[in-house]
Amino acid sequence: MHNNSKEMAKLAYKAMDDKLAKNIKIIDISNISIIADYFLIADGSNKNQLQAITDNVEEMLGRAGFIPKSIEGRQSTTWILLDYGDIIVHVFNAEDRGFYDLERIWKDGIEVSVDSL
């Protein structure tokens, strides 16, 4: 696991929390996948909030020198994904979060608290 991934996860969590993201989960997938060390998953109540959450993540991580490898769904009203390599941030509307249920799909990962990072 990279030291940067913990720092990035903490910053992303704070950025999401600052914009009142709901049900923020950090899932450590480092032992079950090579795609990333952490998934951060949260939901927002509308398109504007999803955009504000992801903009804040991008801004806070950018200030720390972390640039996303890719961003998917920027125009979406339901799911925006920010891929930073070591962490992947998923911001959903509540309905799509339940539909895609990433927590269930990645249940072999370990949910961790931001304080334990």
PDB file of N, CA and C in Angstrom:
ATOM      1  N   MET A   1       0.845  -1.187   0.000  1.00  0.00           N
ATOM      2  CA  MET A   1       0.000   0.000   0.000  1.00  0.00           C
ATOM      3  C   MET A   1       0.885   1.244   0.000  1.00  0.00           C
ATOM      4  N   HIS A   2       0.494   2.222  -0.752  1.00  0.00           N
ATOM      5  CA  HIS A   2       1.256   3.459  -0.868  1.00  0.00           C
ATOM      6  C   HIS A   2       0.917   4.411   0.277  1.00  0.00           C
ATOM      7  N   ASN A   3       1.919   5.140   0.759  1.00  0.00           N
ATOM      8  CA  ASN A   3       1.662   6.141   1.790  1.00  0.00           C
ATOM      9  C   ASN A   3       0.714   7.213   1.277  1.00  0.00           C
ATOM     10  N   ASN A   4       0.843   7.541  -0.004  1.00  0.00           N
ATOM     11  CA  ASN A   4      -0.022   8.569  -0.583  1.00  0.00           C
ATOM     12  C   ASN A   4      -1.489   8.192  -0.526  1.00  0.00           C
ATOM     13  N   SER A   5      -1.796   6.905  -0.607  1.00  0.00           N
ATOM     14  CA  SER A   5      -3.205   6.510  -0.659  1.00  0.00           C
ATOM     15  C   SER A   5      -3.929   6.881   0.629  1.00  0.00           C
ATOM     16  N   LYS A   6      -3.275   6.746   1.759  1.00  0.00           N
ATOM     17  CA  LYS A   6      -3.916   7.118   3.028  1.00  0.00           C
ATOM     18  C   LYS A   6      -4.137   8.624   3.085  1.00  0.00           C
ATOM     19  N   GLU A   7      -3.132   9.385   2.681  1.00  0.00           N
ATOM     20  CA  GLU A   7      -3.265  10.850   2.675  1.00  0.00           C
ATOM     21  C   GLU A   7      -4.381  11.272   1.719  1.00  0.00           C
ATOM     22  N   MET A   8      -4.405  10.670   0.532  1.00  0.00           N
ATOM     23  CA  MET A   8      -5.442  11.008  -0.439  1.00  0.00           C
ATOM     24  C   MET A   8      -6.820  10.641   0.097  1.00  0.00           C
ATOM     25  N   ALA A   9      -6.949   9.485   0.720  1.00  0.00           N
ATOM     26  CA  ALA A   9      -8.247   9.058   1.261  1.00  0.00           C
ATOM     27  C   ALA A   9      -8.728  10.024   2.340  1.00  0.00           C
ATOM     28  N   LYS A  10      -7.817  10.458   3.215  1.00  0.00           N
ATOM     29  CA  LYS A  10      -8.202  11.418   4.262  1.00  0.00           C
ATOM     30  C   LYS A  10      -8.678  12.731   3.658  1.00  0.00           C
ATOM     31  N   LEU A  11      -7.917  13.238   2.684  1.00  0.00           N
ATOM     32  CA  LEU A  11      -8.292  14.499   2.039  1.00  0.00           C
ATOM     33  C   LEU A  11      -9.622  14.380   1.316  1.00  0.00           C
ATOM     34  N   ALA A  12      -9.812  13.282   0.588  1.00  0.00           N
ATOM     35  CA  ALA A  12     -11.065  13.080  -0.142  1.00  0.00           C
ATOM     36  C   ALA A  12     -12.240  12.978   0.818  1.00  0.00           C
ATOM     37  N   TYR A  13     -12.051  12.259   1.917  1.00  0.00           N
ATOM     38  CA  TYR A  13     -13.112  12.131   2.917  1.00  0.00           C
ATOM     39  C   TYR A  13     -13.502  13.513   3.442  1.00  0.00           C
ATOM     40  N   LYS A  14     -12.491  14.311   3.808  1.00  0.00           N
ATOM     41  CA  LYS A  14     -12.772  15.646   4.338  1.00  0.00           C
ATOM     42  C   LYS A  14     -13.492  16.501   3.295  1.00  0.00           C
ATOM     43  N   ALA A  15     -13.040  16.421   2.049  1.00  0.00           N
ATOM     44  CA  ALA A  15     -13.664  17.213   0.983  1.00  0.00           C
ATOM     45  C   ALA A  15     -15.126  16.811   0.797  1.00  0.00           C
ATOM     46  N   MET A  16     -15.401  15.523   0.889  1.00  0.00           N
ATOM     47  CA  MET A  16     -16.774  15.036   0.740  1.00  0.00           C
ATOM     48  C   MET A  16     -17.619  15.467   1.935  1.00  0.00           C
ATOM     49  N   ASP A  17     -17.055  15.313   3.122  1.00  0.00           N
ATOM     50  CA  ASP A  17     -17.762  15.674   4.346  1.00  0.00           C
ATOM     51  C   ASP A  17     -18.061  17.170   4.383  1.00  0.00           C
ATOM     52  N   ASP A  18     -17.114  17.994   3.917  1.00  0.00           N
ATOM     53  CA  ASP A  18     -17.310  19.446   3.888  1.00  0.00           C
ATOM     54  C   ASP A  18     -18.515  19.853   3.045  1.00  0.00           C
ATOM     55  N   LYS A  19     -18.836  19.048   2.036  1.00  0.00           N
ATOM     56  CA  LYS A  19     -19.978  19.352   1.163  1.00  0.00           C
ATOM     57  C   LYS A  19     -21.201  18.508   1.522  1.00  0.00           C
ATOM     58  N   LEU A  20     -21.191  17.986   2.757  1.00  0.00           N
ATOM     59  CA  LEU A  20     -22.341  17.277   3.333  1.00  0.00           C
ATOM     60  C   LEU A  20     -22.731  16.011   2.574  1.00  0.00           C
ATOM     61  N   ALA A  21     -21.725  15.324   2.018  1.00  0.00           N
ATOM     62  CA  ALA A  21     -21.996  14.025   1.399  1.00  0.00           C
ATOM     63  C   ALA A  21     -22.569  13.095   2.462  1.00  0.00           C
ATOM     64  N   LYS A  22     -23.441  12.212   2.040  1.00  0.00           N
ATOM     65  CA  LYS A  22     -24.092  11.301   2.981  1.00  0.00           C
ATOM     66  C   LYS A  22     -23.450   9.921   2.916  1.00  0.00           C
ATOM     67  N   ASN A  23     -23.453   9.242   4.057  1.00  0.00           N
ATOM     68  CA  ASN A  23     -23.037   7.832   4.144  1.00  0.00           C
ATOM     69  C   ASN A  23     -21.675   7.586   3.509  1.00  0.00           C
ATOM     70  N   ILE A  24     -20.681   8.374   3.885  1.00  0.00           N
ATOM     71  CA  ILE A  24     -19.345   8.216   3.313  1.00  0.00           C
ATOM     72  C   ILE A  24     -18.719   6.929   3.842  1.00  0.00           C
ATOM     73  N   LYS A  25     -18.291   6.085   2.931  1.00  0.00           N
ATOM     74  CA  LYS A  25     -17.629   4.833   3.302  1.00  0.00           C
ATOM     75  C   LYS A  25     -16.245   4.810   2.684  1.00  0.00           C
ATOM     76  N   ILE A  26     -15.286   4.310   3.444  1.00  0.00           N
ATOM     77  CA  ILE A  26     -13.938   4.073   2.937  1.00  0.00           C
ATOM     78  C   ILE A  26     -13.730   2.567   2.988  1.00  0.00           C
ATOM     79  N   ILE A  27     -13.460   1.978   1.836  1.00  0.00           N
ATOM     80  CA  ILE A  27     -13.256   0.538   1.770  1.00  0.00           C
ATOM     81  C   ILE A  27     -11.833   0.261   1.310  1.00  0.00           C
ATOM     82  N   ASP A  28     -11.089  -0.443   2.149  1.00  0.00           N
ATOM     83  CA  ASP A  28      -9.725  -0.836   1.829  1.00  0.00           C
ATOM     84  C   ASP A  28      -9.810  -2.074   0.936  1.00  0.00           C
ATOM     85  N   ILE A  29      -9.407  -1.909  -0.324  1.00  0.00           N
ATOM     86  CA  ILE A  29      -9.445  -3.032  -1.271  1.00  0.00           C
ATOM     87  C   ILE A  29      -8.033  -3.469  -1.662  1.00  0.00           C
ATOM     88  N   SER A  30      -7.029  -2.985  -0.916  1.00  0.00           N
ATOM     89  CA  SER A  30      -5.633  -3.242  -1.297  1.00  0.00           C
ATOM     90  C   SER A  30      -5.272  -4.725  -1.284  1.00  0.00           C
ATOM     91  N   ASN A  31      -5.944  -5.514  -0.457  1.00  0.00           N
ATOM     92  CA  ASN A  31      -5.630  -6.943  -0.384  1.00  0.00           C
ATOM     93  C   ASN A  31      -6.414  -7.795  -1.367  1.00  0.00           C
ATOM     94  N   ILE A  32      -7.395  -7.182  -2.050  1.00  0.00           N
ATOM     95  CA  ILE A  32      -8.228  -7.981  -2.956  1.00  0.00           C
ATOM     96  C   ILE A  32      -8.195  -7.499  -4.400  1.00  0.00           C
ATOM     97  N   SER A  33      -7.541  -6.364  -4.658  1.00  0.00           N
ATOM     98  CA  SER A  33      -7.531  -5.831  -6.009  1.00  0.00           C
ATOM     99  C   SER A  33      -6.270  -5.014  -6.257  1.00  0.00           C
ATOM    100  N   ILE A  34      -5.846  -5.009  -7.509  1.00  0.00           N
ATOM    101  CA  ILE A  34      -4.696  -4.170  -7.870  1.00  0.00           C
ATOM    102  C   ILE A  34      -5.126  -2.825  -8.443  1.00  0.00           C
ATOM    103  N   ILE A  35      -6.442  -2.595  -8.585  1.00  0.00           N
ATOM    104  CA  ILE A  35      -6.873  -1.352  -9.227  1.00  0.00           C
ATOM    105  C   ILE A  35      -6.700  -0.128  -8.347  1.00  0.00           C
ATOM    106  N   ALA A  36      -6.736  -0.317  -7.020  1.00  0.00           N
ATOM    107  CA  ALA A  36      -6.593   0.814  -6.101  1.00  0.00           C
ATOM    108  C   ALA A  36      -6.393   0.276  -4.690  1.00  0.00           C
ATOM    109  N   ASP A  37      -6.028   1.170  -3.780  1.00  0.00           N
ATOM    110  CA  ASP A  37      -5.940   0.797  -2.370  1.00  0.00           C
ATOM    111  C   ASP A  37      -7.271   1.032  -1.658  1.00  0.00           C
ATOM    112  N   TYR A  38      -7.950   2.134  -2.021  1.00  0.00           N
ATOM    113  CA  TYR A  38      -9.202   2.488  -1.351  1.00  0.00           C
ATOM    114  C   TYR A  38     -10.272   2.906  -2.351  1.00  0.00           C
ATOM    115  N   PHE A  39     -11.508   2.535  -2.041  1.00  0.00           N
ATOM    116  CA  PHE A  39     -12.695   3.105  -2.655  1.00  0.00           C
ATOM    117  C   PHE A  39     -13.296   4.030  -1.607  1.00  0.00           C
ATOM    118  N   LEU A  40     -13.686   5.216  -2.020  1.00  0.00           N
ATOM    119  CA  LEU A  40     -14.509   6.073  -1.176  1.00  0.00           C
ATOM    120  C   LEU A  40     -15.855   6.193  -1.878  1.00  0.00           C
ATOM    121  N   ILE A  41     -16.907   5.934  -1.148  1.00  0.00           N
ATOM    122  CA  ILE A  41     -18.254   5.917  -1.718  1.00  0.00           C
ATOM    123  C   ILE A  41     -19.138   6.821  -0.870  1.00  0.00           C
ATOM    124  N   ALA A  42     -19.899   7.674  -1.542  1.00  0.00           N
ATOM    125  CA  ALA A  42     -20.822   8.557  -0.826  1.00  0.00           C
ATOM    126  C   ALA A  42     -21.985   8.881  -1.744  1.00  0.00           C
ATOM    127  N   ASP A  43     -22.995   9.495  -1.169  1.00  0.00           N
ATOM    128  CA  ASP A  43     -24.096   9.958  -2.018  1.00  0.00           C
ATOM    129  C   ASP A  43     -24.490  11.375  -1.656  1.00  0.00           C
ATOM    130  N   GLY A  44     -25.148  11.993  -2.614  1.00  0.00           N
ATOM    131  CA  GLY A  44     -25.651  13.344  -2.464  1.00  0.00           C
ATOM    132  C   GLY A  44     -27.109  13.382  -2.875  1.00  0.00           C
ATOM    133  N   SER A  45     -27.769  14.482  -2.579  1.00  0.00           N
ATOM    134  CA  SER A  45     -29.220  14.525  -2.778  1.00  0.00           C
ATOM    135  C   SER A  45     -29.643  15.028  -4.153  1.00  0.00           C
ATOM    136  N   ASN A  46     -28.756  15.709  -4.882  1.00  0.00           N
ATOM    137  CA  ASN A  46     -29.136  16.193  -6.210  1.00  0.00           C
ATOM    138  C   ASN A  46     -27.883  16.438  -7.050  1.00  0.00           C
ATOM    139  N   LYS A  47     -28.094  16.749  -8.323  1.00  0.00           N
ATOM    140  CA  LYS A  47     -26.967  16.930  -9.250  1.00  0.00           C
ATOM    141  C   LYS A  47     -26.009  18.017  -8.776  1.00  0.00           C
ATOM    142  N   ASN A  48     -26.545  19.118  -8.278  1.00  0.00           N
ATOM    143  CA  ASN A  48     -25.689  20.213  -7.824  1.00  0.00           C
ATOM    144  C   ASN A  48     -24.809  19.782  -6.659  1.00  0.00           C
ATOM    145  N   GLN A  49     -25.372  19.000  -5.735  1.00  0.00           N
ATOM    146  CA  GLN A  49     -24.564  18.545  -4.614  1.00  0.00           C
ATOM    147  C   GLN A  49     -23.507  17.545  -5.077  1.00  0.00           C
ATOM    148  N   LEU A  50     -23.859  16.631  -5.990  1.00  0.00           N
ATOM    149  CA  LEU A  50     -22.877  15.691  -6.527  1.00  0.00           C
ATOM    150  C   LEU A  50     -21.715  16.453  -7.155  1.00  0.00           C
ATOM    151  N   GLN A  51     -22.034  17.489  -7.910  1.00  0.00           N
ATOM    152  CA  GLN A  51     -21.012  18.300  -8.561  1.00  0.00           C
ATOM    153  C   GLN A  51     -20.163  19.027  -7.523  1.00  0.00           C
ATOM    154  N   ALA A  52     -20.807  19.583  -6.497  1.00  0.00           N
ATOM    155  CA  ALA A  52     -20.069  20.306  -5.455  1.00  0.00           C
ATOM    156  C   ALA A  52     -19.131  19.363  -4.702  1.00  0.00           C
ATOM    157  N   ILE A  53     -19.599  18.158  -4.423  1.00  0.00           N
ATOM    158  CA  ILE A  53     -18.768  17.173  -3.717  1.00  0.00           C
ATOM    159  C   ILE A  53     -17.541  16.835  -4.562  1.00  0.00           C
ATOM    160  N   THR A  54     -17.765  16.492  -5.818  1.00  0.00           N
ATOM    161  CA  THR A  54     -16.641  16.078  -6.663  1.00  0.00           C
ATOM    162  C   THR A  54     -15.702  17.249  -6.959  1.00  0.00           C
ATOM    163  N   ASP A  55     -16.248  18.437  -7.146  1.00  0.00           N
ATOM    164  CA  ASP A  55     -15.394  19.615  -7.351  1.00  0.00           C
ATOM    165  C   ASP A  55     -14.501  19.846  -6.133  1.00  0.00           C
ATOM    166  N   ASN A  56     -15.058  19.673  -4.943  1.00  0.00           N
ATOM    167  CA  ASN A  56     -14.282  19.902  -3.729  1.00  0.00           C
ATOM    168  C   ASN A  56     -13.201  18.841  -3.551  1.00  0.00           C
ATOM    169  N   VAL A  57     -13.515  17.590  -3.889  1.00  0.00           N
ATOM    170  CA  VAL A  57     -12.507  16.527  -3.841  1.00  0.00           C
ATOM    171  C   VAL A  57     -11.358  16.880  -4.789  1.00  0.00           C
ATOM    172  N   GLU A  58     -11.721  17.250  -6.006  1.00  0.00           N
ATOM    173  CA  GLU A  58     -10.700  17.576  -7.011  1.00  0.00           C
ATOM    174  C   GLU A  58      -9.846  18.765  -6.561  1.00  0.00           C
ATOM    175  N   GLU A  59     -10.488  19.775  -5.982  1.00  0.00           N
ATOM    176  CA  GLU A  59      -9.764  20.962  -5.538  1.00  0.00           C
ATOM    177  C   GLU A  59      -8.827  20.643  -4.370  1.00  0.00           C
ATOM    178  N   MET A  60      -9.316  19.938  -3.351  1.00  0.00           N
ATOM    179  CA  MET A  60      -8.489  19.645  -2.176  1.00  0.00           C
ATOM    180  C   MET A  60      -7.323  18.714  -2.524  1.00  0.00           C
ATOM    181  N   LEU A  61      -7.592  17.694  -3.319  1.00  0.00           N
ATOM    182  CA  LEU A  61      -6.512  16.787  -3.713  1.00  0.00           C
ATOM    183  C   LEU A  61      -5.533  17.498  -4.642  1.00  0.00           C
ATOM    184  N   GLY A  62      -6.055  18.364  -5.509  1.00  0.00           N
ATOM    185  CA  GLY A  62      -5.200  19.128  -6.409  1.00  0.00           C
ATOM    186  C   GLY A  62      -4.246  20.037  -5.661  1.00  0.00           C
ATOM    187  N   ARG A  63      -4.741  20.682  -4.598  1.00  0.00           N
ATOM    188  CA  ARG A  63      -3.888  21.551  -3.786  1.00  0.00           C
ATOM    189  C   ARG A  63      -2.762  20.760  -3.127  1.00  0.00           C
ATOM    190  N   ALA A  64      -3.017  19.472  -2.877  1.00  0.00           N
ATOM    191  CA  ALA A  64      -1.996  18.614  -2.268  1.00  0.00           C
ATOM    192  C   ALA A  64      -1.095  17.973  -3.325  1.00  0.00           C
ATOM    193  N   GLY A  65      -1.353  18.304  -4.594  1.00  0.00           N
ATOM    194  CA  GLY A  65      -0.500  17.806  -5.669  1.00  0.00           C
ATOM    195  C   GLY A  65      -0.961  16.517  -6.328  1.00  0.00           C
ATOM    196  N   PHE A  66      -2.191  16.090  -6.025  1.00  0.00           N
ATOM    197  CA  PHE A  66      -2.720  14.860  -6.614  1.00  0.00           C
ATOM    198  C   PHE A  66      -3.673  15.202  -7.759  1.00  0.00           C
ATOM    199  N   ILE A  67      -3.384  14.662  -8.918  1.00  0.00           N
ATOM    200  CA  ILE A  67      -4.168  14.929 -10.116  1.00  0.00           C
ATOM    201  C   ILE A  67      -4.908  13.642 -10.508  1.00  0.00           C
ATOM    202  N   PRO A  68      -6.201  13.744 -10.826  1.00  0.00           N
ATOM    203  CA  PRO A  68      -6.920  12.518 -11.201  1.00  0.00           C
ATOM    204  C   PRO A  68      -6.421  11.953 -12.527  1.00  0.00           C
ATOM    205  N   LYS A  69      -6.359  10.617 -12.600  1.00  0.00           N
ATOM    206  CA  LYS A  69      -6.026   9.958 -13.863  1.00  0.00           C
ATOM    207  C   LYS A  69      -7.193  10.088 -14.826  1.00  0.00           C
ATOM    208  N   SER A  70      -8.393   9.977 -14.287  1.00  0.00           N
ATOM    209  CA  SER A  70      -9.588  10.173 -15.118  1.00  0.00           C
ATOM    210  C   SER A  70     -10.770  10.526 -14.241  1.00  0.00           C
ATOM    211  N   ILE A  71     -11.748  11.162 -14.873  1.00  0.00           N
ATOM    212  CA  ILE A  71     -13.007  11.497 -14.224  1.00  0.00           C
ATOM    213  C   ILE A  71     -14.103  11.038 -15.172  1.00  0.00           C
ATOM    214  N   GLU A  72     -15.019  10.259 -14.646  1.00  0.00           N
ATOM    215  CA  GLU A  72     -16.129   9.738 -15.458  1.00  0.00           C
ATOM    216  C   GLU A  72     -17.444  10.263 -14.896  1.00  0.00           C
ATOM    217  N   GLY A  73     -18.373  10.549 -15.788  1.00  0.00           N
ATOM    218  CA  GLY A  73     -19.712  10.912 -15.360  1.00  0.00           C
ATOM    219  C   GLY A  73     -19.890  12.339 -14.914  1.00  0.00           C
ATOM    220  N   ARG A  74     -18.955  13.217 -15.274  1.00  0.00           N
ATOM    221  CA  ARG A  74     -19.022  14.616 -14.838  1.00  0.00           C
ATOM    222  C   ARG A  74     -20.389  15.243 -15.168  1.00  0.00           C
ATOM    223  N   GLN A  75     -20.945  14.863 -16.311  1.00  0.00           N
ATOM    224  CA  GLN A  75     -22.251  15.416 -16.705  1.00  0.00           C
ATOM    225  C   GLN A  75     -23.420  14.600 -16.156  1.00  0.00           C
ATOM    226  N   SER A  76     -23.098  13.540 -15.446  1.00  0.00           N
ATOM    227  CA  SER A  76     -24.139  12.641 -14.953  1.00  0.00           C
ATOM    228  C   SER A  76     -24.870  13.247 -13.762  1.00  0.00           C
ATOM    229  N   THR A  77     -26.106  12.874 -13.632  1.00  0.00           N
ATOM    230  CA  THR A  77     -26.856  13.293 -12.452  1.00  0.00           C
ATOM    231  C   THR A  77     -26.908  12.166 -11.434  1.00  0.00           C
ATOM    232  N   THR A  78     -26.211  11.036 -11.717  1.00  0.00           N
ATOM    233  CA  THR A  78     -26.388   9.881 -10.865  1.00  0.00           C
ATOM    234  C   THR A  78     -25.106   9.263 -10.305  1.00  0.00           C
ATOM    235  N   TRP A  79     -23.975   9.371 -11.015  1.00  0.00           N
ATOM    236  CA  TRP A  79     -22.751   8.717 -10.544  1.00  0.00           C
ATOM    237  C   TRP A  79     -21.546   9.402 -11.169  1.00  0.00           C
ATOM    238  N   ILE A  80     -20.678   9.944 -10.327  1.00  0.00           N
ATOM    239  CA  ILE A  80     -19.435  10.546 -10.790  1.00  0.00           C
ATOM    240  C   ILE A  80     -18.291   9.768 -10.141  1.00  0.00           C
ATOM    241  N   LEU A  81     -17.299   9.403 -10.946  1.00  0.00           N
ATOM    242  CA  LEU A  81     -16.164   8.625 -10.484  1.00  0.00           C
ATOM    243  C   LEU A  81     -14.889   9.422 -10.721  1.00  0.00           C
ATOM    244  N   LEU A  82     -14.072   9.561  -9.686  1.00  0.00           N
ATOM    245  CA  LEU A  82     -12.772  10.211  -9.803  1.00  0.00           C
ATOM    246  C   LEU A  82     -11.710   9.163  -9.508  1.00  0.00           C
ATOM    247  N   ASP A  83     -10.865   8.892 -10.492  1.00  0.00           N
ATOM    248  CA  ASP A  83      -9.837   7.864 -10.366  1.00  0.00           C
ATOM    249  C   ASP A  83      -8.490   8.534 -10.139  1.00  0.00           C
ATOM    250  N   TYR A  84      -7.954   8.351  -8.942  1.00  0.00           N
ATOM    251  CA  TYR A  84      -6.644   8.900  -8.589  1.00  0.00           C
ATOM    252  C   TYR A  84      -5.572   7.817  -8.547  1.00  0.00           C
ATOM    253  N   GLY A  85      -5.872   6.659  -9.103  1.00  0.00           N
ATOM    254  CA  GLY A  85      -4.905   5.572  -9.098  1.00  0.00           C
ATOM    255  C   GLY A  85      -4.934   4.808  -7.789  1.00  0.00           C
ATOM    256  N   ASP A  86      -4.420   5.424  -6.720  1.00  0.00           N
ATOM    257  CA  ASP A  86      -4.387   4.753  -5.420  1.00  0.00           C
ATOM    258  C   ASP A  86      -5.742   4.763  -4.721  1.00  0.00           C
ATOM    259  N   ILE A  87      -6.554   5.754  -5.039  1.00  0.00           N
ATOM    260  CA  ILE A  87      -7.930   5.785  -4.513  1.00  0.00           C
ATOM    261  C   ILE A  87      -8.884   6.055  -5.669  1.00  0.00           C
ATOM    262  N   ILE A  88     -10.103   5.556  -5.514  1.00  0.00           N
ATOM    263  CA  ILE A  88     -11.162   5.834  -6.482  1.00  0.00           C
ATOM    264  C   ILE A  88     -12.360   6.349  -5.691  1.00  0.00           C
ATOM    265  N   VAL A  89     -12.839   7.517  -6.074  1.00  0.00           N
ATOM    266  CA  VAL A  89     -13.948   8.173  -5.390  1.00  0.00           C
ATOM    267  C   VAL A  89     -15.203   8.007  -6.231  1.00  0.00           C
ATOM    268  N   HIS A  90     -16.261   7.486  -5.597  1.00  0.00           N
ATOM    269  CA  HIS A  90     -17.557   7.299  -6.249  1.00  0.00           C
ATOM    270  C   HIS A  90     -18.571   8.183  -5.530  1.00  0.00           C
ATOM    271  N   VAL A  91     -19.230   9.064  -6.275  1.00  0.00           N
ATOM    272  CA  VAL A  91     -20.282   9.897  -5.702  1.00  0.00           C
ATOM    273  C   VAL A  91     -21.559   9.623  -6.484  1.00  0.00           C
ATOM    274  N   PHE A  92     -22.555   9.144  -5.784  1.00  0.00           N
ATOM    275  CA  PHE A  92     -23.823   8.725  -6.388  1.00  0.00           C
ATOM    276  C   PHE A  92     -24.973   9.597  -5.916  1.00  0.00           C
ATOM    277  N   ASN A  93     -26.096   9.520  -6.657  1.00  0.00           N
ATOM    278  CA  ASN A  93     -27.347   9.901  -6.028  1.00  0.00           C
ATOM    279  C   ASN A  93     -27.781   8.663  -5.233  1.00  0.00           C
ATOM    280  N   ALA A  94     -28.662   8.833  -4.271  1.00  0.00           N
ATOM    281  CA  ALA A  94     -28.999   7.736  -3.351  1.00  0.00           C
ATOM    282  C   ALA A  94     -29.586   6.533  -4.085  1.00  0.00           C
ATOM    283  N   GLU A  95     -30.432   6.774  -5.077  1.00  0.00           N
ATOM    284  CA  GLU A  95     -31.083   5.672  -5.783  1.00  0.00           C
ATOM    285  C   GLU A  95     -30.061   4.804  -6.528  1.00  0.00           C
ATOM    286  N   ASP A  96     -29.152   5.442  -7.265  1.00  0.00           N
ATOM    287  CA  ASP A  96     -28.149   4.667  -8.008  1.00  0.00           C
ATOM    288  C   ASP A  96     -27.141   4.003  -7.084  1.00  0.00           C
ATOM    289  N   ARG A  97     -26.856   4.633  -5.958  1.00  0.00           N
ATOM    290  CA  ARG A  97     -25.946   3.981  -5.015  1.00  0.00           C
ATOM    291  C   ARG A  97     -26.538   2.649  -4.556  1.00  0.00           C
ATOM    292  N   GLY A  98     -27.808   2.664  -4.257  1.00  0.00           N
ATOM    293  CA  GLY A  98     -28.471   1.427  -3.858  1.00  0.00           C
ATOM    294  C   GLY A  98     -28.523   0.417  -4.985  1.00  0.00           C
ATOM    295  N   PHE A  99     -28.737   0.905  -6.205  1.00  0.00           N
ATOM    296  CA  PHE A  99     -28.832   0.008  -7.363  1.00  0.00           C
ATOM    297  C   PHE A  99     -27.499  -0.674  -7.644  1.00  0.00           C
ATOM    298  N   TYR A 100     -26.417   0.095  -7.689  1.00  0.00           N
ATOM    299  CA  TYR A 100     -25.105  -0.473  -8.017  1.00  0.00           C
ATOM    300  C   TYR A 100     -24.462  -1.186  -6.826  1.00  0.00           C
ATOM    301  N   ASP A 101     -24.780  -0.751  -5.614  1.00  0.00           N
ATOM    302  CA  ASP A 101     -24.410  -1.431  -4.370  1.00  0.00           C
ATOM    303  C   ASP A 101     -22.942  -1.869  -4.352  1.00  0.00           C
ATOM    304  N   LEU A 102     -22.046  -0.913  -4.534  1.00  0.00           N
ATOM    305  CA  LEU A 102     -20.615  -1.224  -4.549  1.00  0.00           C
ATOM    306  C   LEU A 102     -20.139  -1.847  -3.242  1.00  0.00           C
ATOM    307  N   GLU A 103     -20.774  -1.455  -2.133  1.00  0.00           N
ATOM    308  CA  GLU A 103     -20.381  -2.041  -0.855  1.00  0.00           C
ATOM    309  C   GLU A 103     -20.575  -3.557  -0.859  1.00  0.00           C
ATOM    310  N   ARG A 104     -21.643  -4.033  -1.491  1.00  0.00           N
ATOM    311  CA  ARG A 104     -21.892  -5.474  -1.574  1.00  0.00           C
ATOM    312  C   ARG A 104     -20.907  -6.125  -2.537  1.00  0.00           C
ATOM    313  N   ILE A 105     -20.712  -5.493  -3.693  1.00  0.00           N
ATOM    314  CA  ILE A 105     -19.798  -6.054  -4.699  1.00  0.00           C
ATOM    315  C   ILE A 105     -18.384  -6.178  -4.138  1.00  0.00           C
ATOM    316  N   TRP A 106     -17.965  -5.209  -3.341  1.00  0.00           N
ATOM    317  CA  TRP A 106     -16.608  -5.186  -2.778  1.00  0.00           C
ATOM    318  C   TRP A 106     -16.623  -5.594  -1.308  1.00  0.00           C
ATOM    319  N   LYS A 107     -17.544  -6.484  -0.942  1.00  0.00           N
ATOM    320  CA  LYS A 107     -17.699  -6.870   0.459  1.00  0.00           C
ATOM    321  C   LYS A 107     -16.470  -7.555   1.040  1.00  0.00           C
ATOM    322  N   ASP A 108     -15.579  -8.069   0.196  1.00  0.00           N
ATOM    323  CA  ASP A 108     -14.347  -8.676   0.689  1.00  0.00           C
ATOM    324  C   ASP A 108     -13.316  -7.623   1.091  1.00  0.00           C
ATOM    325  N   GLY A 109     -13.592  -6.366   0.743  1.00  0.00           N
ATOM    326  CA  GLY A 109     -12.749  -5.279   1.221  1.00  0.00           C
ATOM    327  C   GLY A 109     -13.054  -5.006   2.690  1.00  0.00           C
ATOM    328  N   ILE A 110     -12.249  -4.175   3.302  1.00  0.00           N
ATOM    329  CA  ILE A 110     -12.414  -3.880   4.721  1.00  0.00           C
ATOM    330  C   ILE A 110     -12.840  -2.417   4.872  1.00  0.00           C
ATOM    331  N   GLU A 111     -14.015  -2.204   5.458  1.00  0.00           N
ATOM    332  CA  GLU A 111     -14.432  -0.828   5.709  1.00  0.00           C
ATOM    333  C   GLU A 111     -13.590  -0.264   6.843  1.00  0.00           C
ATOM    334  N   VAL A 112     -13.030   0.916   6.614  1.00  0.00           N
ATOM    335  CA  VAL A 112     -12.193   1.550   7.616  1.00  0.00           C
ATOM    336  C   VAL A 112     -12.729   2.946   7.922  1.00  0.00           C
ATOM    337  N   SER A 113     -12.396   3.433   9.107  1.00  0.00           N
ATOM    338  CA  SER A 113     -12.792   4.798   9.458  1.00  0.00           C
ATOM    339  C   SER A 113     -11.693   5.754   9.031  1.00  0.00           C
ATOM    340  N   VAL A 114     -12.070   6.995   8.820  1.00  0.00           N
ATOM    341  CA  VAL A 114     -11.088   7.990   8.434  1.00  0.00           C
ATOM    342  C   VAL A 114     -10.036   8.159   9.539  1.00  0.00           C
ATOM    343  N   ASP A 115     -10.446   7.951  10.790  1.00  0.00           N
ATOM    344  CA  ASP A 115      -9.525   8.098  11.921  1.00  0.00           C
ATOM    345  C   ASP A 115      -8.473   7.000  11.972  1.00  0.00           C
ATOM    346  N   SER A 116      -8.759   5.866  11.333  1.00  0.00           N
ATOM    347  CA  SER A 116      -7.797   4.754  11.370  1.00  0.00           C
ATOM    348  C   SER A 116      -6.762   4.819  10.245  1.00  0.00           C
ATOM    349  N   LEU A 117      -6.931   5.799   9.337  1.00  0.00           N
ATOM    350  CA  LEU A 117      -5.981   5.919   8.235  1.00  0.00           C
ATOM    351  C   LEU A 117      -4.666   6.538   8.683  1.00  0.00           C
TER     352      LEU A 117
END
